[in-house]
Protein backbone atom coordinates (compact mmCIF):
# COMPACT_ATOMS: atom_id res chain seq x y z
CA MET A 1 -22.87 4.73 51.54
CA ASP A 2 -26.33 4.95 50.12
CA SER A 3 -28.95 2.37 51.05
CA ALA A 4 -29.77 -0.45 48.66
CA GLU A 5 -33.29 0.97 48.37
CA LEU A 6 -32.01 4.40 47.31
CA VAL A 7 -29.59 2.87 44.80
CA ALA A 8 -32.41 0.80 43.29
CA GLN A 9 -34.77 3.78 43.19
CA LYS A 10 -32.23 6.10 41.55
CA SER A 11 -31.14 3.38 39.10
CA ILE A 12 -34.72 2.75 37.98
CA GLU A 13 -35.36 6.50 37.68
CA GLY A 14 -32.21 6.80 35.58
CA LEU A 15 -33.27 3.98 33.28
CA LEU A 16 -36.75 5.46 32.81
CA LEU A 17 -35.29 8.90 32.09
CA LYS A 18 -32.68 7.33 29.76
CA LYS A 19 -29.84 8.87 31.76
CA ILE A 20 -26.32 7.79 30.84
CA GLU A 21 -25.02 8.42 34.37
CA VAL A 22 -26.63 8.05 37.77
CA ILE A 23 -24.34 9.44 40.46
CA LEU A 24 -25.09 8.82 44.11
CA GLY A 25 -23.20 9.83 47.20
CA GLY A 26 -24.44 13.32 47.84
CA GLU A 27 -23.29 16.79 46.95
CA GLN A 28 -19.59 16.15 47.63
CA ARG A 29 -19.59 13.17 45.28
CA LEU A 30 -21.12 15.29 42.52
CA LYS A 31 -18.44 17.94 43.10
CA ASP A 32 -15.70 15.31 42.98
CA VAL A 33 -17.01 13.91 39.68
CA GLU A 34 -17.15 17.42 38.19
CA THR A 35 -13.62 18.14 39.40
CA ASN A 36 -12.33 14.85 38.03
CA LEU A 37 -13.83 15.59 34.61
CA ASN A 38 -12.65 19.18 34.38
CA ARG A 39 -9.55 19.34 36.60
CA PRO A 40 -8.27 15.77 37.05
CA LEU A 41 -4.91 16.82 38.50
CA GLU A 42 -6.76 18.24 41.54
CA ILE A 43 -8.31 14.83 42.21
CA ASP A 44 -4.94 13.14 41.69
CA LYS A 45 -3.41 15.45 44.31
CA LYS A 46 -6.27 14.81 46.76
CA VAL A 47 -5.97 11.03 46.34
CA LYS A 48 -2.19 11.11 46.70
CA GLU A 49 -2.43 13.13 49.92
CA SER A 50 -4.98 10.78 51.50
CA TYR A 51 -3.72 7.42 50.17
CA LYS A 52 -2.00 6.25 53.36
CA SER A 53 -5.03 7.17 55.46
CA TYR A 54 -7.44 5.31 53.15
CA LYS A 55 -5.15 2.30 53.06
CA THR A 56 -5.00 2.15 56.87
CA GLN A 57 -8.77 2.64 57.24
CA THR A 58 -9.61 -0.10 54.73
CA ASN A 59 -6.86 -2.57 55.59
CA ASN A 60 -9.28 -5.07 57.12
CA HIS A 61 -12.34 -4.18 55.03
CA ARG A 62 -13.95 -6.94 53.03
CA ALA A 63 -16.89 -6.46 50.65
CA MET A 64 -19.54 -9.13 50.71
């Protein structure tokens, strides 16, 4: 996850530049967004294949 400082910085930059989207998370996140927009079935397959793993990893996770 990105730091709160980086999120704030990028959000402010996005507002000042009148950007519609500000995407954080690094290069892989940008690739995933591009794939989801242009080839959504690939993302669906990836999510389906990793669902059980994500569910196990986040079973006790709580956001605060």
